Protein backbone atom coordinates (compact mmCIF):
# COMPACT_ATOMS: atom_id res chain seq x y z
CA MET A 1 -24.87 0.01 1.62
CA LYS A 2 -21.24 -1.00 2.13
CA TYR A 3 -18.60 0.76 0.02
CA PHE A 4 -15.12 -0.27 -1.08
CA ILE A 5 -12.67 2.17 -2.71
CA SER A 6 -9.93 0.10 -4.31
CA GLY A 7 -6.31 0.76 -5.15
CA TRP A 8 -4.47 1.53 -8.38
CA ALA A 9 -5.50 -1.10 -10.99
CA GLY A 10 -7.40 -2.86 -8.19
CA PHE A 11 -10.21 -4.21 -10.32
CA ARG A 12 -12.92 -6.36 -8.76
CA GLU A 13 -11.78 -9.26 -10.96
CA ALA A 14 -8.35 -9.20 -9.28
CA LEU A 15 -9.65 -9.04 -5.70
CA ASP A 16 -12.05 -11.17 -3.67
CA VAL A 17 -14.41 -8.40 -2.51
CA PRO A 18 -17.98 -9.75 -2.27
CA GLU A 19 -20.56 -8.58 -4.79
CA ASP A 20 -22.70 -6.87 -2.13
CA TRP A 21 -20.01 -4.18 -1.66
CA TYR A 22 -20.29 -1.16 -3.94
CA PHE A 23 -16.88 -1.13 -5.65
CA ILE A 24 -14.98 1.91 -6.97
CA VAL A 25 -11.62 1.82 -8.78
CA PRO A 26 -9.89 5.23 -8.44
CA PHE A 27 -9.19 6.98 -11.73
CA ILE A 28 -10.95 4.23 -13.69
CA ASP A 29 -14.41 4.95 -12.28
CA LEU A 30 -13.81 8.34 -10.65
CA ASP A 31 -10.87 10.58 -9.76
CA GLU A 32 -10.47 12.02 -6.24
CA GLU A 33 -12.87 14.91 -6.87
CA GLY A 34 -15.37 12.56 -8.50
CA ILE A 35 -15.22 10.19 -5.51
CA LEU A 36 -15.97 13.05 -3.10
CA ASP A 37 -18.82 14.21 -5.32
CA PHE A 38 -20.23 10.65 -5.48
CA PHE A 39 -20.26 10.34 -1.68
CA LYS A 40 -21.83 13.77 -1.02
CA ASP A 41 -25.26 12.17 -0.55
CA LYS A 42 -24.12 8.67 0.59
CA SER A 43 -23.64 7.24 4.06
CA GLY A 44 -23.51 3.87 5.75
CA SER A 45 -22.00 1.70 8.42
CA THR A 46 -18.69 0.68 6.83
CA LEU A 47 -16.30 2.13 4.26
CA ILE A 48 -13.14 0.26 3.25
CA GLY A 49 -10.28 1.84 1.33
CA TRP A 50 -7.32 -0.10 -0.04
CA SER A 51 -3.99 1.54 -0.92
CA THR A 52 -4.79 4.53 -3.20
CA GLY A 53 -8.44 4.32 -2.11
CA GLY A 54 -7.36 4.35 1.52
CA HIS A 55 -5.12 7.35 0.90
CA ILE A 56 -8.01 9.30 -0.67
CA ILE A 57 -10.20 8.49 2.35
CA LEU A 58 -7.53 9.52 4.89
CA LYS A 59 -6.79 12.71 2.94
CA ASN A 60 -10.50 13.58 3.22
CA LEU A 61 -11.19 11.87 6.54
CA LYS A 62 -13.37 14.60 8.00
CA PHE A 63 -15.67 14.37 4.96
CA PHE A 64 -15.93 10.55 5.19
CA SER A 65 -16.18 10.48 8.99
CA LEU A 66 -19.41 12.46 8.79
CA ARG A 67 -20.88 9.74 6.55
CA PHE A 68 -19.61 6.40 7.91
CA ASN A 69 -19.56 4.86 11.39
CA GLU A 70 -16.53 2.70 10.68
CA ILE A 71 -13.66 3.33 8.27
CA VAL A 72 -11.15 0.62 7.44
CA ILE A 73 -7.89 1.45 5.67
CA VAL A 74 -5.83 -1.38 4.18
CA ALA A 75 -2.21 -0.59 3.18
CA GLY A 76 -2.74 3.14 3.59
CA PHE A 77 -0.12 5.87 3.35
CA LYS A 78 0.39 9.58 3.91
CA LYS A 79 2.56 10.09 0.81
CA PHE A 80 3.38 7.20 -1.53
CA THR A 81 6.79 8.58 -2.55
CA ASP A 82 7.94 8.53 1.10
CA TYR A 83 8.23 4.75 0.59
CA VAL A 84 8.47 4.18 -3.17
CA HIS A 85 11.07 6.12 -5.17
CA PRO A 86 9.44 8.50 -7.69
CA ARG A 87 11.74 7.05 -10.37
CA ILE A 88 9.92 3.68 -10.09
CA ILE A 89 6.54 5.35 -10.60
CA ARG A 90 7.80 7.41 -13.55
CA ARG A 91 9.16 4.22 -15.11
CA MET A 92 5.72 2.62 -14.71
CA ILE A 93 4.10 5.67 -16.37
CA ASP A 94 6.50 5.39 -19.34
CA LYS A 95 6.03 1.62 -19.62
CA MET A 96 2.21 2.03 -19.48
CA GLU A 97 2.50 3.69 -22.88
CA ILE A 98 3.95 0.60 -24.57
CA GLN A 99 3.18 -2.39 -22.31
CA PRO A 100 0.20 -1.52 -20.11
CA GLU A 101 -0.84 -5.15 -19.58
CA THR A 102 2.64 -6.10 -18.33
CA VAL A 103 2.75 -3.16 -15.88
CA ILE A 104 -0.70 -3.94 -14.47
CA LYS A 105 -0.09 -7.68 -14.13
CA GLU A 106 3.32 -7.17 -12.48
CA PHE A 107 1.79 -4.75 -10.00
CA LEU A 108 -1.09 -7.08 -9.16
CA LEU A 109 1.27 -10.04 -8.63
CA ASN A 110 3.52 -7.95 -6.36
CA ALA A 111 0.43 -6.80 -4.46
CA GLY A 112 -0.72 -10.37 -3.81
CA CYS A 113 -3.73 -10.14 -6.14
CA LYS A 114 -4.88 -12.26 -9.05
CA PRO A 115 -3.13 -10.88 -12.19
CA ILE A 116 -6.42 -10.50 -14.03
CA LEU A 117 -6.82 -7.62 -16.44
CA SER A 118 -10.22 -5.98 -16.47
CA GLU A 119 -11.98 -4.82 -19.62
CA LYS A 120 -12.21 -1.47 -17.78
CA ALA A 121 -8.40 -1.08 -17.80
CA ASP A 122 -7.90 2.35 -19.37
CA LYS A 123 -4.25 3.18 -20.01
CA ASN A 124 -4.67 6.96 -19.74
CA ALA A 125 -6.78 6.80 -16.57
CA LEU A 126 -4.22 4.50 -14.93
CA LYS A 127 -1.39 6.87 -15.91
CA GLU A 128 -3.33 9.68 -14.20
CA GLY A 129 -3.54 7.49 -11.11
CA LEU A 130 0.24 7.03 -11.10
CA LYS A 131 0.78 10.79 -11.50
CA PHE A 132 -1.55 11.28 -8.50
CA LEU A 133 0.68 8.94 -6.45
CA LEU A 134 3.72 11.07 -7.30
CA SER A 135 2.33 14.17 -5.61
CA SER A 136 -0.66 13.49 -3.34
CA GLU A 137 -0.20 13.83 0.41
CA PHE A 138 -2.00 15.17 3.46
CA ASN A 139 -1.01 16.81 6.71
CA TYR A 140 -2.45 16.50 10.17
CA ILE A 141 -5.63 18.37 10.96
CA ASP A 142 -8.13 17.73 13.75
CA TYR A 143 -10.11 14.65 12.70
CA PRO A 144 -13.38 13.38 14.14
CA LYS A 145 -12.45 10.46 16.40
CA ASN A 146 -14.88 7.86 15.09
CA LYS A 147 -13.92 4.24 14.48
CA LEU A 148 -10.85 4.08 12.26
CA ILE A 149 -9.06 0.78 11.66
CA LEU A 150 -5.63 0.64 10.00
CA ILE A 151 -4.49 -2.72 8.56
CA HIS A 152 -1.18 -3.59 6.90
CA GLY A 153 0.37 -6.83 5.68
CA SER A 154 3.71 -7.72 7.28
CA GLY A 155 4.94 -9.10 3.93
CA ASP A 156 3.82 -6.11 1.83
CA LYS A 157 6.19 -5.82 -1.18
CA ILE A 158 4.73 -2.50 -2.33
CA LEU A 159 4.65 -0.46 0.90
CA PRO A 160 6.85 -1.15 3.93
CA ILE A 161 5.24 -1.61 7.34
CA LYS A 162 6.69 1.81 8.28
CA ALA A 163 3.77 3.36 6.34
CA LEU A 164 1.40 1.91 8.96
CA PHE A 165 3.40 3.24 11.92
CA ASP A 166 3.66 6.67 10.28
CA LEU A 167 -0.15 6.74 9.93
CA LYS A 168 -0.56 5.71 13.57
CA LYS A 169 1.48 8.78 14.58
CA ILE A 170 -1.11 10.96 12.81
CA PHE A 171 -4.21 8.97 13.78
CA SER A 172 -3.27 7.99 17.34
CA PHE A 173 -6.89 7.07 18.13
CA ALA A 174 -7.04 4.42 15.36
CA GLN A 175 -7.02 0.66 15.92
CA MET A 176 -3.96 -0.85 14.27
CA HIS A 177 -3.55 -4.40 12.94
CA THR A 178 -0.48 -5.99 11.37
CA ILE A 179 -1.56 -9.06 9.44
CA SER A 180 0.53 -11.85 7.95
CA GLY A 181 0.04 -11.05 4.28
CA SER A 182 0.97 -8.82 1.37
CA HIS A 183 -0.26 -5.47 0.00
CA TRP A 184 -3.73 -6.93 -0.53
CA ILE A 185 -5.22 -8.72 2.46
CA PRO A 186 -7.78 -11.43 1.54
CA PHE A 187 -11.28 -10.14 2.19
CA LYS A 188 -12.20 -12.98 4.56
CA VAL A 189 -9.32 -11.81 6.81
CA LEU A 190 -10.57 -8.21 6.68
CA ASP A 191 -14.07 -9.44 7.44
CA SER A 192 -12.85 -11.36 10.51
CA ILE A 193 -11.26 -8.14 11.85
CA LEU A 194 -14.46 -6.19 11.19
CA HIS A 195 -16.44 -8.73 13.19
CA SER A 196 -13.97 -9.26 16.02
């Protein structure tokens, strides 16, 4: 089984991830603890994490490295607020209360995704996801050196390319790819890297 842990408001409808990938939206399907619990008895060849999903994987890399041969992180980060001012996230949290659809669609457009709202869009769960981004971070520990691939779009409007280089300092053993693209990289491009 191939697993994909998406980003904030990264619903399957908005992305082009094939149906044969098991798809998890953080805080909509499961929070960080729930994701770890879900994967306790799972393993496979490839795990992909995008943005918030990638951050959760990197934060718990030892756990995931024991379960997957290859881990791919798209638009990952150590701490979101190192690159995005907390004020912007707090504004999104406040606006989610009155105009959740607008906040989600604006984010998806900025991320290079289809601005499609899922029926699963839960305002309170998404607010929890934004609160998570305000505080979650990880520090270096000794990680298993299995195959880790870091990918970032050169035209990312959400996270600057610096986030990629900062991760490379922590995970020096990782393969690093800068792709012409935005926060979301089309899946066919990811797939071509996986099979290169």
